[in-house]
Amino acid sequence: MRYWFVLLFGIAATMCCRAEEGLPQSANSGKDQISSPIPSLSVKNLATNFVDFWDETRGQPTEQRVAIFKEKVGSRFAAFYANDHITQAKQDERIAHAIESFEPIRSAYIAKIAQFDADLPRHLAKFNATFPDFQPKTEIYLLHSLGEMDGGTRELQGKAYLIFGVDGMVHYHGDGNEAAFFHHELFHVYHEQFLGDCAEKGVWAPLWSEGLAVYVSKVLNPTANNTELLLDLPAGTVAQTEAQLPAAFEQLEQVLASDDEAFYPPLFQFRQDETGLARRRGYFLGYLVAREIGKTRDLRTLAKLSCHDAHDLVFSTVHSLKLQAMARYPNPN
């Protein structure tokens, strides 16, 4: 999951991960088998710094711990932890909540850090088998996100980053299989080089980006369920959207071309709108669109569609799926 083009950055100690060899060469069509070196990714780890800070300040007043956090942890990643999108008072509340709520998840959080170091190379190897030209230059950061995210691409001062929030991974994923999640986020890194000037072109652009990332992660992980694909957040999202499919596609078609930011949160975040449709339904609707387009194209072709071609395909496919949904559910009330 990601917030569409929100600013973020990172700087911290480095741990290196190298992909493992020996996974299948392709997860889509059998053509164009290319042997390519598995890329190595450098991960900047701030997640452990949070654990060290928390342990060292245990028992101190929360207000004092917040100040120490900003000095010992926040200063290492100032553009993220200062967060110019909210007031300092609000950010201090988020820091305090992260500190006070950490003890129940401390063990799971530490285990998630250790598992990440093992998982990333393995999932990267499988991803690279399908996209052998994947040679990422994006820096990766592992951190405590103060409740903001489990993972996503971010841009800071014109530079792209891939961020994994360990607290979000613990909260949203638990002990579940995270392969689809990793492939989703790796695909964003790969896909953005082909998006070109699609950014800020309307609702259709994040619908395509997120829907295709879900579709790719499903193809790479055929047994992944809706929970592992992170489609059913909050719980019941998929069932509610399927029950309201004609209305969901009709509303989506009306806003596809709009660049009004008000349409983004109900579709891709947890905000409820006046439509009564499911929150965060854009991921599932985008997946249905990408899956439909993918019936006649392999993953590499989909990933490299130009902004113009993707635009036309998304608009025509949303319209077609709307008509199909209306035919299937002619009397939604």
C-alpha atoms as a PDB file:
ATOM      1  CA  MET A   1       0.000   0.000   0.000  1.00  0.00           C
ATOM      2  CA  ARG A   2       1.131   3.541  -0.533  1.00  0.00           C
ATOM      3  CA  TYR A   3      -0.028   7.126  -0.288  1.00  0.00           C
ATOM      4  CA  TRP A   4       0.101   8.601  -3.798  1.00  0.00           C
ATOM      5  CA  PHE A   5       3.224  10.770  -4.081  1.00  0.00           C
ATOM      6  CA  VAL A   6       3.521  11.875  -0.430  1.00  0.00           C
ATOM      7  CA  LEU A   7       6.967  13.199   0.517  1.00  0.00           C
ATOM      8  CA  LEU A   8       9.247  11.093   2.684  1.00  0.00           C
ATOM      9  CA  PHE A   9      12.964  10.426   3.170  1.00  0.00           C
ATOM     10  CA  GLY A  10      15.386   8.338   5.175  1.00  0.00           C
ATOM     11  CA  ILE A  11      18.949   8.157   6.428  1.00  0.00           C
ATOM     12  CA  ALA A  12      20.331   5.497   8.763  1.00  0.00           C
ATOM     13  CA  ALA A  13      22.701   2.583   9.296  1.00  0.00           C
ATOM     14  CA  THR A  14      22.877   0.108   6.408  1.00  0.00           C
ATOM     15  CA  MET A  15      22.291  -3.608   6.164  1.00  0.00           C
ATOM     16  CA  CYS A  16      22.673  -5.365   2.812  1.00  0.00           C
ATOM     17  CA  CYS A  17      20.461  -8.017   1.323  1.00  0.00           C
ATOM     18  CA  ARG A  18      21.298 -10.238  -1.652  1.00  0.00           C
ATOM     19  CA  ALA A  19      18.777 -12.281  -3.547  1.00  0.00           C
ATOM     20  CA  GLU A  20      18.877 -16.031  -3.539  1.00  0.00           C
ATOM     21  CA  GLU A  21      19.360 -18.029  -6.714  1.00  0.00           C
ATOM     22  CA  GLY A  22      17.361 -20.873  -8.195  1.00  0.00           C
ATOM     23  CA  LEU A  23      13.777 -19.638  -8.453  1.00  0.00           C
ATOM     24  CA  PRO A  24      11.652 -20.079 -11.600  1.00  0.00           C
ATOM     25  CA  GLN A  25      12.510 -17.780 -14.481  1.00  0.00           C
ATOM     26  CA  SER A  26       8.998 -16.536 -15.159  1.00  0.00           C
ATOM     27  CA  ALA A  27       5.621 -16.294 -13.506  1.00  0.00           C
ATOM     28  CA  ASN A  28       3.654 -15.177 -16.543  1.00  0.00           C
ATOM     29  CA  SER A  29       4.145 -16.268 -20.145  1.00  0.00           C
ATOM     30  CA  GLY A  30       6.906 -18.660 -21.083  1.00  0.00           C
ATOM     31  CA  LYS A  31       8.301 -16.373 -23.762  1.00  0.00           C
ATOM     32  CA  ASP A  32      11.244 -14.052 -23.611  1.00  0.00           C
ATOM     33  CA  GLN A  33      13.132 -15.989 -20.928  1.00  0.00           C
ATOM     34  CA  ILE A  34      16.046 -13.765 -19.959  1.00  0.00           C
ATOM     35  CA  SER A  35      18.863 -14.626 -17.618  1.00  0.00           C
ATOM     36  CA  SER A  36      19.727 -11.598 -15.538  1.00  0.00           C
ATOM     37  CA  PRO A  37      21.786 -11.098 -12.387  1.00  0.00           C
ATOM     38  CA  ILE A  38      19.611 -10.731  -9.313  1.00  0.00           C
ATOM     39  CA  PRO A  39      20.048  -7.141  -8.073  1.00  0.00           C
ATOM     40  CA  SER A  40      21.240  -6.436  -4.550  1.00  0.00           C
ATOM     41  CA  LEU A  41      19.345  -3.945  -2.443  1.00  0.00           C
ATOM     42  CA  SER A  42      20.704  -1.775   0.317  1.00  0.00           C
ATOM     43  CA  VAL A  43      18.339  -1.317   3.258  1.00  0.00           C
ATOM     44  CA  LYS A  44      18.698   1.555   5.724  1.00  0.00           C
ATOM     45  CA  ASN A  45      17.452   0.253   9.066  1.00  0.00           C
ATOM     46  CA  LEU A  46      15.903   2.736  11.482  1.00  0.00           C
ATOM     47  CA  ALA A  47      13.485   0.186  12.926  1.00  0.00           C
ATOM     48  CA  THR A  48      16.077  -1.182  15.325  1.00  0.00           C
ATOM     49  CA  ASN A  49      16.961   2.344  16.448  1.00  0.00           C
ATOM     50  CA  PHE A  50      13.407   2.711  17.702  1.00  0.00           C
ATOM     51  CA  VAL A  51      13.697  -0.466  19.775  1.00  0.00           C
ATOM     52  CA  ASP A  52      17.010   0.704  21.275  1.00  0.00           C
ATOM     53  CA  PHE A  53      15.575   4.123  22.097  1.00  0.00           C
ATOM     54  CA  TRP A  54      12.435   2.616  23.625  1.00  0.00           C
ATOM     55  CA  ASP A  55      14.393   0.188  25.817  1.00  0.00           C
ATOM     56  CA  GLU A  56      16.826   2.855  26.982  1.00  0.00           C
ATOM     57  CA  THR A  57      14.049   5.278  27.999  1.00  0.00           C
ATOM     58  CA  ARG A  58      11.688   2.747  29.565  1.00  0.00           C
ATOM     59  CA  GLY A  59      10.156   4.118  32.768  1.00  0.00           C
ATOM     60  CA  GLN A  60      10.735   7.769  31.921  1.00  0.00           C
ATOM     61  CA  PRO A  61       7.805  10.194  31.551  1.00  0.00           C
ATOM     62  CA  THR A  62       6.246  10.127  28.104  1.00  0.00           C
ATOM     63  CA  GLU A  63       6.875  13.825  27.501  1.00  0.00           C
ATOM     64  CA  GLN A  64      10.568  13.299  28.183  1.00  0.00           C
ATOM     65  CA  ARG A  65      10.650  10.212  25.956  1.00  0.00           C
ATOM     66  CA  VAL A  66       9.086  12.183  23.094  1.00  0.00           C
ATOM     67  CA  ALA A  67      11.872  14.737  23.358  1.00  0.00           C
ATOM     68  CA  ILE A  68      14.523  12.016  23.416  1.00  0.00           C
ATOM     69  CA  PHE A  69      12.898  10.288  20.440  1.00  0.00           C
ATOM     70  CA  LYS A  70      13.137  13.477  18.398  1.00  0.00           C
ATOM     71  CA  GLU A  71      16.795  13.830  19.327  1.00  0.00           C
ATOM     72  CA  LYS A  72      17.899  10.199  18.987  1.00  0.00           C
ATOM     73  CA  VAL A  73      15.617   8.847  16.244  1.00  0.00           C
ATOM     74  CA  GLY A  74      13.662  11.640  14.632  1.00  0.00           C
ATOM     75  CA  SER A  75      16.741  13.717  13.882  1.00  0.00           C
ATOM     76  CA  ARG A  76      18.097  10.866  11.751  1.00  0.00           C
ATOM     77  CA  PHE A  77      15.052  11.106   9.504  1.00  0.00           C
ATOM     78  CA  ALA A  78      13.862  14.670  10.049  1.00  0.00           C
ATOM     79  CA  ALA A  79      11.795  15.157   6.893  1.00  0.00           C
ATOM     80  CA  PHE A  80       9.634  12.153   7.783  1.00  0.00           C
ATOM     81  CA  TYR A  81       9.377  12.481  11.530  1.00  0.00           C
ATOM     82  CA  ALA A  82       8.936  16.264  11.515  1.00  0.00           C
ATOM     83  CA  ASN A  83       6.036  15.727   9.070  1.00  0.00           C
ATOM     84  CA  ASP A  84       5.173  19.133   7.652  1.00  0.00           C
ATOM     85  CA  HIS A  85       1.680  17.879   6.738  1.00  0.00           C
ATOM     86  CA  ILE A  86       0.498  18.189  10.347  1.00  0.00           C
ATOM     87  CA  THR A  87       1.219  20.443  13.309  1.00  0.00           C
ATOM     88  CA  GLN A  88       4.105  19.726  15.650  1.00  0.00           C
ATOM     89  CA  ALA A  89       1.632  19.168  18.475  1.00  0.00           C
ATOM     90  CA  LYS A  90      -0.179  16.528  16.435  1.00  0.00           C
ATOM     91  CA  GLN A  91       3.089  14.869  15.506  1.00  0.00           C
ATOM     92  CA  ASP A  92       4.120  14.822  19.172  1.00  0.00           C
ATOM     93  CA  GLU A  93       0.842  13.031  19.913  1.00  0.00           C
ATOM     94  CA  ARG A  94       1.674  10.415  17.286  1.00  0.00           C
ATOM     95  CA  ILE A  95       5.150   9.916  18.740  1.00  0.00           C
ATOM     96  CA  ALA A  96       3.733   9.607  22.259  1.00  0.00           C
ATOM     97  CA  HIS A  97       1.150   7.070  21.088  1.00  0.00           C
ATOM     98  CA  ALA A  98       3.837   5.024  19.315  1.00  0.00           C
ATOM     99  CA  ILE A  99       5.888   4.961  22.504  1.00  0.00           C
ATOM    100  CA  GLU A 100       3.012   4.121  24.832  1.00  0.00           C
ATOM    101  CA  SER A 101       1.561   1.410  22.571  1.00  0.00           C
ATOM    102  CA  PHE A 102       4.843  -0.294  21.720  1.00  0.00           C
ATOM    103  CA  GLU A 103       5.216  -2.769  24.583  1.00  0.00           C
ATOM    104  CA  PRO A 104       2.434  -5.163  23.417  1.00  0.00           C
ATOM    105  CA  ILE A 105       3.961  -5.406  19.938  1.00  0.00           C
ATOM    106  CA  ARG A 106       7.649  -5.253  20.891  1.00  0.00           C
ATOM    107  CA  SER A 107       8.345  -8.971  20.409  1.00  0.00           C
ATOM    108  CA  ALA A 108       6.408  -9.166  17.145  1.00  0.00           C
ATOM    109  CA  TYR A 109       8.118  -5.990  15.940  1.00  0.00           C
ATOM    110  CA  ILE A 110      11.597  -7.377  16.605  1.00  0.00           C
ATOM    111  CA  ALA A 111      10.664 -10.685  14.956  1.00  0.00           C
ATOM    112  CA  LYS A 112       9.371  -8.795  11.926  1.00  0.00           C
ATOM    113  CA  ILE A 113      12.704  -6.991  11.545  1.00  0.00           C
ATOM    114  CA  ALA A 114      14.570 -10.304  11.589  1.00  0.00           C
ATOM    115  CA  GLN A 115      12.117 -11.878   9.148  1.00  0.00           C
ATOM    116  CA  PHE A 116      12.400  -8.907   6.796  1.00  0.00           C
ATOM    117  CA  ASP A 117      16.128  -9.514   6.353  1.00  0.00           C
ATOM    118  CA  ALA A 118      15.363 -13.090   5.246  1.00  0.00           C
ATOM    119  CA  ASP A 119      12.230 -12.334   3.211  1.00  0.00           C
ATOM    120  CA  LEU A 120      13.343  -9.451   1.034  1.00  0.00           C
ATOM    121  CA  PRO A 121      16.090 -11.312  -0.897  1.00  0.00           C
ATOM    122  CA  ARG A 122      13.828 -14.320  -1.460  1.00  0.00           C
ATOM    123  CA  HIS A 123      10.908 -12.265  -2.747  1.00  0.00           C
ATOM    124  CA  LEU A 124      13.223 -10.086  -4.806  1.00  0.00           C
ATOM    125  CA  ALA A 125      14.605 -13.165  -6.567  1.00  0.00           C
ATOM    126  CA  LYS A 126      11.139 -14.327  -7.609  1.00  0.00           C
ATOM    127  CA  PHE A 127      10.186 -10.837  -8.733  1.00  0.00           C
ATOM    128  CA  ASN A 128      13.369 -10.509 -10.793  1.00  0.00           C
ATOM    129  CA  ALA A 129      12.631 -13.841 -12.496  1.00  0.00           C
ATOM    130  CA  THR A 130       9.478 -12.284 -13.953  1.00  0.00           C
ATOM    131  CA  PHE A 131      10.973  -8.835 -14.560  1.00  0.00           C
ATOM    132  CA  PRO A 132      14.622  -9.589 -15.407  1.00  0.00           C
ATOM    133  CA  ASP A 133      15.331  -5.979 -16.361  1.00  0.00           C
ATOM    134  CA  PHE A 134      14.542  -4.850 -12.816  1.00  0.00           C
ATOM    135  CA  GLN A 135      17.648  -2.985 -11.678  1.00  0.00           C
ATOM    136  CA  PRO A 136      16.408  -0.767  -8.841  1.00  0.00           C
ATOM    137  CA  LYS A 137      18.287   2.320  -7.761  1.00  0.00           C
ATOM    138  CA  THR A 138      15.647   3.235  -5.187  1.00  0.00           C
ATOM    139  CA  GLU A 139      16.898   3.297  -1.604  1.00  0.00           C
ATOM    140  CA  ILE A 140      14.967   1.223   0.908  1.00  0.00           C
ATOM    141  CA  TYR A 141      14.236   2.185   4.504  1.00  0.00           C
ATOM    142  CA  LEU A 142      12.950   0.042   7.353  1.00  0.00           C
ATOM    143  CA  LEU A 143      11.493   2.023  10.262  1.00  0.00           C
ATOM    144  CA  HIS A 144       8.766   2.646  12.802  1.00  0.00           C
ATOM    145  CA  SER A 145       6.268   4.727  10.837  1.00  0.00           C
ATOM    146  CA  LEU A 146       4.335   6.080  13.843  1.00  0.00           C
ATOM    147  CA  GLY A 147       1.266   4.303  12.533  1.00  0.00           C
ATOM    148  CA  GLU A 148       1.439   5.759   9.022  1.00  0.00           C
ATOM    149  CA  MET A 149       2.123   2.758   6.808  1.00  0.00           C
ATOM    150  CA  ASP A 150       3.151  -0.831   6.245  1.00  0.00           C
ATOM    151  CA  GLY A 151       4.988  -0.071   3.029  1.00  0.00           C
ATOM    152  CA  GLY A 152       5.067   2.139  -0.017  1.00  0.00           C
ATOM    153  CA  THR A 153       7.038   4.279  -2.400  1.00  0.00           C
ATOM    154  CA  ARG A 154       7.644   7.890  -1.462  1.00  0.00           C
ATOM    155  CA  GLU A 155       9.346  10.832  -3.092  1.00  0.00           C
ATOM    156  CA  LEU A 156      11.454  13.475  -1.354  1.00  0.00           C
ATOM    157  CA  GLN A 157      13.011  16.398  -3.143  1.00  0.00           C
ATOM    158  CA  GLY A 158      12.767  14.625  -6.458  1.00  0.00           C
ATOM    159  CA  LYS A 159      14.262  11.347  -5.211  1.00  0.00           C
ATOM    160  CA  ALA A 160      12.276   8.119  -4.853  1.00  0.00           C
ATOM    161  CA  TYR A 161      12.384   5.854  -1.796  1.00  0.00           C
ATOM    162  CA  LEU A 162      10.757   2.580  -0.793  1.00  0.00           C
ATOM    163  CA  ILE A 163       9.685   2.599   2.851  1.00  0.00           C
ATOM    164  CA  PHE A 164       8.674  -0.361   5.008  1.00  0.00           C
ATOM    165  CA  GLY A 165       6.945   0.491   8.289  1.00  0.00           C
ATOM    166  CA  VAL A 166       7.490  -2.393  10.689  1.00  0.00           C
ATOM    167  CA  ASP A 167       4.707  -1.249  13.006  1.00  0.00           C
ATOM    168  CA  GLY A 168       2.286  -1.242  10.077  1.00  0.00           C
ATOM    169  CA  MET A 169       3.473  -4.663   8.952  1.00  0.00           C
ATOM    170  CA  VAL A 170       2.817  -6.045  12.424  1.00  0.00           C
ATOM    171  CA  HIS A 171      -0.606  -4.389  12.617  1.00  0.00           C
ATOM    172  CA  TYR A 172      -1.898  -5.229   9.132  1.00  0.00           C
ATOM    173  CA  HIS A 173      -0.093  -8.482   8.330  1.00  0.00           C
ATOM    174  CA  GLY A 174       0.403 -10.253  11.649  1.00  0.00           C
ATOM    175  CA  ASP A 175       2.092 -13.600  11.053  1.00  0.00           C
ATOM    176  CA  GLY A 176       0.548 -13.998   7.605  1.00  0.00           C
ATOM    177  CA  ASN A 177       2.347 -14.702   4.334  1.00  0.00           C
ATOM    178  CA  GLU A 178       3.831 -11.404   3.128  1.00  0.00           C
ATOM    179  CA  ALA A 179       5.061 -12.514  -0.311  1.00  0.00           C
ATOM    180  CA  ALA A 180       2.270 -10.684  -2.158  1.00  0.00           C
ATOM    181  CA  PHE A 181       2.921  -7.559  -0.089  1.00  0.00           C
ATOM    182  CA  PHE A 182       6.626  -7.540  -0.979  1.00  0.00           C
ATOM    183  CA  HIS A 183       5.906  -8.122  -4.661  1.00  0.00           C
ATOM    184  CA  HIS A 184       3.304  -5.351  -4.627  1.00  0.00           C
ATOM    185  CA  GLU A 185       5.804  -2.826  -3.281  1.00  0.00           C
ATOM    186  CA  LEU A 186       8.676  -3.998  -5.504  1.00  0.00           C
ATOM    187  CA  PHE A 187       6.402  -3.633  -8.507  1.00  0.00           C
ATOM    188  CA  HIS A 188       5.729  -0.005  -7.634  1.00  0.00           C
ATOM    189  CA  VAL A 189       9.467   0.646  -7.793  1.00  0.00           C
ATOM    190  CA  TYR A 190       9.701  -1.122 -11.149  1.00  0.00           C
ATOM    191  CA  HIS A 191       6.531   0.407 -12.595  1.00  0.00           C
ATOM    192  CA  GLU A 192       7.233   4.039 -11.800  1.00  0.00           C
ATOM    193  CA  GLN A 193       9.986   4.231 -14.399  1.00  0.00           C
ATOM    194  CA  PHE A 194       7.343   3.607 -17.077  1.00  0.00           C
ATOM    195  CA  LEU A 195       4.612   5.868 -15.672  1.00  0.00           C
ATOM    196  CA  GLY A 196       6.275   8.977 -17.076  1.00  0.00           C
ATOM    197  CA  ASP A 197       4.021  11.991 -16.779  1.00  0.00           C
ATOM    198  CA  CYS A 198       1.042   9.968 -15.540  1.00  0.00           C
ATOM    199  CA  ALA A 199       1.446  11.406 -12.051  1.00  0.00           C
ATOM    200  CA  GLU A 200      -1.357  13.729 -10.982  1.00  0.00           C
ATOM    201  CA  LYS A 201      -3.378  12.974 -14.115  1.00  0.00           C
ATOM    202  CA  GLY A 202      -6.567  12.059 -12.323  1.00  0.00           C
ATOM    203  CA  VAL A 203      -8.013   9.188 -10.308  1.00  0.00           C
ATOM    204  CA  TRP A 204      -7.316   6.766 -13.151  1.00  0.00           C
ATOM    205  CA  ALA A 205      -3.533   6.949 -12.546  1.00  0.00           C
ATOM    206  CA  PRO A 206      -3.467   5.617  -8.951  1.00  0.00           C
ATOM    207  CA  LEU A 207      -6.246   3.184  -9.901  1.00  0.00           C
ATOM    208  CA  TRP A 208      -3.971   1.762 -12.583  1.00  0.00           C
ATOM    209  CA  SER A 209      -0.838   1.834 -10.448  1.00  0.00           C
ATOM    210  CA  GLU A 210      -2.403   0.168  -7.411  1.00  0.00           C
ATOM    211  CA  GLY A 211      -4.650  -2.209  -9.341  1.00  0.00           C
ATOM    212  CA  LEU A 212      -1.787  -3.444 -11.485  1.00  0.00           C
ATOM    213  CA  ALA A 213       0.446  -3.901  -8.426  1.00  0.00           C
ATOM    214  CA  VAL A 214      -2.247  -6.091  -6.837  1.00  0.00           C
ATOM    215  CA  TYR A 215      -2.706  -8.038 -10.068  1.00  0.00           C
ATOM    216  CA  VAL A 216       1.036  -8.649 -10.426  1.00  0.00           C
ATOM    217  CA  SER A 217       1.281  -9.833  -6.824  1.00  0.00           C
ATOM    218  CA  LYS A 218      -1.645 -12.213  -7.434  1.00  0.00           C
ATOM    219  CA  VAL A 219      -0.060 -13.676 -10.580  1.00  0.00           C
ATOM    220  CA  LEU A 220       3.225 -14.183  -8.722  1.00  0.00           C
ATOM    221  CA  ASN A 221       1.349 -15.692  -5.768  1.00  0.00           C
ATOM    222  CA  PRO A 222      -1.666 -17.551  -7.210  1.00  0.00           C
ATOM    223  CA  THR A 223      -2.766 -18.949  -3.841  1.00  0.00           C
ATOM    224  CA  ALA A 224      -2.734 -15.552  -2.096  1.00  0.00           C
ATOM    225  CA  ASN A 225      -6.115 -14.676  -0.624  1.00  0.00           C
ATOM    226  CA  ASN A 226      -7.739 -11.262  -0.436  1.00  0.00           C
ATOM    227  CA  THR A 227      -6.288 -10.652   3.003  1.00  0.00           C
ATOM    228  CA  GLU A 228      -2.740 -11.429   1.863  1.00  0.00           C
ATOM    229  CA  LEU A 229      -3.298  -9.234  -1.186  1.00  0.00           C
ATOM    230  CA  LEU A 230      -4.364  -6.493   1.276  1.00  0.00           C
ATOM    231  CA  LEU A 231      -7.619  -6.042  -0.604  1.00  0.00           C
ATOM    232  CA  ASP A 232      -9.878  -6.764   2.362  1.00  0.00           C
ATOM    233  CA  LEU A 233      -8.864  -3.809   4.519  1.00  0.00           C
ATOM    234  CA  PRO A 234     -10.998  -2.996   6.379  1.00  0.00           C
ATOM    235  CA  ALA A 235     -12.508  -6.446   6.728  1.00  0.00           C
ATOM    236  CA  GLY A 236     -15.485  -6.953   4.451  1.00  0.00           C
ATOM    237  CA  THR A 237     -14.312  -4.482   1.795  1.00  0.00           C
ATOM    238  CA  VAL A 238     -14.297  -7.041  -1.023  1.00  0.00           C
ATOM    239  CA  ALA A 239     -17.703  -8.507  -0.178  1.00  0.00           C
ATOM    240  CA  GLN A 240     -19.284  -5.063   0.180  1.00  0.00           C
ATOM    241  CA  THR A 241     -17.768  -3.860  -3.103  1.00  0.00           C
ATOM    242  CA  GLU A 242     -18.903  -6.982  -4.949  1.00  0.00           C
ATOM    243  CA  ALA A 243     -22.433  -6.453  -3.615  1.00  0.00           C
ATOM    244  CA  GLN A 244     -22.348  -2.837  -4.804  1.00  0.00           C
ATOM    245  CA  LEU A 245     -20.399  -3.403  -8.008  1.00  0.00           C
ATOM    246  CA  PRO A 246     -22.674  -1.509 -10.456  1.00  0.00           C
ATOM    247  CA  ALA A 247     -22.745   1.562  -8.215  1.00  0.00           C
ATOM    248  CA  ALA A 248     -19.037   1.268  -7.453  1.00  0.00           C
ATOM    249  CA  PHE A 249     -18.050   1.240 -11.121  1.00  0.00           C
ATOM    250  CA  GLU A 250     -20.562   3.944 -11.980  1.00  0.00           C
ATOM    251  CA  GLN A 251     -19.132   6.271  -9.326  1.00  0.00           C
ATOM    252  CA  LEU A 252     -15.588   5.359 -10.343  1.00  0.00           C
ATOM    253  CA  GLU A 253     -16.243   6.177 -13.996  1.00  0.00           C
ATOM    254  CA  GLN A 254     -17.582   9.597 -13.006  1.00  0.00           C
ATOM    255  CA  VAL A 255     -14.356  10.564 -11.207  1.00  0.00           C
ATOM    256  CA  LEU A 256     -11.699   8.818 -13.331  1.00  0.00           C
ATOM    257  CA  ALA A 257     -10.584  12.021 -15.043  1.00  0.00           C
ATOM    258  CA  SER A 258     -10.776  14.196 -11.939  1.00  0.00           C
ATOM    259  CA  ASP A 259      -7.674  15.484 -10.186  1.00  0.00           C
ATOM    260  CA  ASP A 260      -9.715  16.547  -7.149  1.00  0.00           C
ATOM    261  CA  GLU A 261      -7.825  15.151  -4.156  1.00  0.00           C
ATOM    262  CA  ALA A 262     -11.108  14.656  -2.286  1.00  0.00           C
ATOM    263  CA  PHE A 263     -11.832  11.543  -4.334  1.00  0.00           C
ATOM    264  CA  TYR A 264      -8.592   9.813  -3.332  1.00  0.00           C
ATOM    265  CA  PRO A 265      -9.106   9.015   0.405  1.00  0.00           C
ATOM    266  CA  PRO A 266     -12.392   7.059   0.075  1.00  0.00           C
ATOM    267  CA  LEU A 267     -10.968   5.011  -2.795  1.00  0.00           C
ATOM    268  CA  PHE A 268      -7.470   4.328  -1.483  1.00  0.00           C
ATOM    269  CA  GLN A 269      -7.539   5.124   2.224  1.00  0.00           C
ATOM    270  CA  PHE A 270      -9.945   4.442   5.061  1.00  0.00           C
ATOM    271  CA  ARG A 271     -12.156   7.515   4.770  1.00  0.00           C
ATOM    272  CA  GLN A 272     -15.888   7.001   4.319  1.00  0.00           C
ATOM    273  CA  ASP A 273     -17.669   9.232   1.802  1.00  0.00           C
ATOM    274  CA  GLU A 274     -21.291  10.139   1.213  1.00  0.00           C
ATOM    275  CA  THR A 275     -21.765   7.413  -1.423  1.00  0.00           C
ATOM    276  CA  GLY A 276     -22.106   4.650   1.156  1.00  0.00           C
ATOM    277  CA  LEU A 277     -19.686   2.534  -0.889  1.00  0.00           C
ATOM    278  CA  ALA A 278     -16.896   0.531   0.738  1.00  0.00           C
ATOM    279  CA  ARG A 279     -13.876   2.371   2.043  1.00  0.00           C
ATOM    280  CA  ARG A 280     -10.590   1.724   0.240  1.00  0.00           C
ATOM    281  CA  ARG A 281     -12.464   0.036  -2.609  1.00  0.00           C
ATOM    282  CA  GLY A 282     -10.101   1.468  -5.233  1.00  0.00           C
ATOM    283  CA  TYR A 283      -7.598  -1.348  -4.727  1.00  0.00           C
ATOM    284  CA  PHE A 284     -10.156  -4.033  -5.507  1.00  0.00           C
ATOM    285  CA  LEU A 285     -11.711  -2.107  -8.391  1.00  0.00           C
ATOM    286  CA  GLY A 286      -8.247  -1.400  -9.792  1.00  0.00           C
ATOM    287  CA  TYR A 287      -7.386  -5.078  -9.497  1.00  0.00           C
ATOM    288  CA  LEU A 288     -10.505  -6.031 -11.467  1.00  0.00           C
ATOM    289  CA  VAL A 289      -9.538  -3.523 -14.162  1.00  0.00           C
ATOM    290  CA  ALA A 290      -5.935  -4.780 -14.372  1.00  0.00           C
ATOM    291  CA  ARG A 291      -7.088  -8.402 -14.387  1.00  0.00           C
ATOM    292  CA  GLU A 292      -9.435  -7.694 -17.291  1.00  0.00           C
ATOM    293  CA  ILE A 293      -6.732  -5.923 -19.281  1.00  0.00           C
ATOM    294  CA  GLY A 294      -4.330  -8.727 -18.402  1.00  0.00           C
ATOM    295  CA  LYS A 295      -6.475 -11.317 -20.152  1.00  0.00           C
ATOM    296  CA  THR A 296      -4.774 -10.365 -23.432  1.00  0.00           C
ATOM    297  CA  ARG A 297      -1.387  -9.100 -22.196  1.00  0.00           C
ATOM    298  CA  ASP A 298       1.423 -10.543 -20.116  1.00  0.00           C
ATOM    299  CA  LEU A 299       2.879  -8.844 -17.053  1.00  0.00           C
ATOM    300  CA  ARG A 300       5.857  -7.285 -18.795  1.00  0.00           C
ATOM    301  CA  THR A 301       3.640  -5.754 -21.452  1.00  0.00           C
ATOM    302  CA  LEU A 302       1.267  -4.380 -18.822  1.00  0.00           C
ATOM    303  CA  ALA A 303       4.105  -2.865 -16.819  1.00  0.00           C
ATOM    304  CA  LYS A 304       5.490  -1.034 -19.826  1.00  0.00           C
ATOM    305  CA  LEU A 305       2.270   0.430 -21.177  1.00  0.00           C
ATOM    306  CA  SER A 306       2.696   4.111 -21.951  1.00  0.00           C
ATOM    307  CA  CYS A 307       0.740   6.699 -20.031  1.00  0.00           C
ATOM    308  CA  HIS A 308      -1.436   7.298 -23.095  1.00  0.00           C
ATOM    309  CA  ASP A 309      -2.148   3.618 -23.726  1.00  0.00           C
ATOM    310  CA  ALA A 310      -2.802   2.881 -20.058  1.00  0.00           C
ATOM    311  CA  HIS A 311      -5.172   5.861 -19.853  1.00  0.00           C
ATOM    312  CA  ASP A 312      -7.276   4.683 -22.781  1.00  0.00           C
ATOM    313  CA  LEU A 313      -7.358   1.080 -21.584  1.00  0.00           C
ATOM    314  CA  VAL A 314      -8.381   2.022 -18.039  1.00  0.00           C
ATOM    315  CA  PHE A 315     -11.225   4.252 -19.220  1.00  0.00           C
ATOM    316  CA  SER A 316     -12.576   1.736 -21.706  1.00  0.00           C
ATOM    317  CA  THR A 317     -12.234  -1.166 -19.273  1.00  0.00           C
ATOM    318  CA  VAL A 318     -13.964   0.646 -16.409  1.00  0.00           C
ATOM    319  CA  HIS A 319     -16.855   1.404 -18.756  1.00  0.00           C
ATOM    320  CA  SER A 320     -17.008  -2.211 -19.952  1.00  0.00           C
ATOM    321  CA  LEU A 321     -16.889  -3.615 -16.410  1.00  0.00           C
ATOM    322  CA  LYS A 322     -19.610  -1.186 -15.350  1.00  0.00           C
ATOM    323  CA  LEU A 323     -21.881  -2.458 -18.106  1.00  0.00           C
ATOM    324  CA  GLN A 324     -21.090  -6.063 -17.189  1.00  0.00           C
ATOM    325  CA  ALA A 325     -21.883  -5.367 -13.535  1.00  0.00           C
ATOM    326  CA  MET A 326     -25.167  -3.662 -14.427  1.00  0.00           C
ATOM    327  CA  ALA A 327     -26.153  -6.625 -16.594  1.00  0.00           C
ATOM    328  CA  ARG A 328     -25.300  -9.058 -13.830  1.00  0.00           C
ATOM    329  CA  TYR A 329     -27.044  -7.068 -11.094  1.00  0.00           C
ATOM    330  CA  PRO A 330     -29.867  -5.251 -12.917  1.00  0.00           C
ATOM    331  CA  ASN A 331     -31.747  -4.409  -9.712  1.00  0.00           C
ATOM    332  CA  PRO A 332     -29.120  -3.532  -7.071  1.00  0.00           C
ATOM    333  CA  ASN A 333     -31.775  -2.284  -4.654  1.00  0.00           C
END
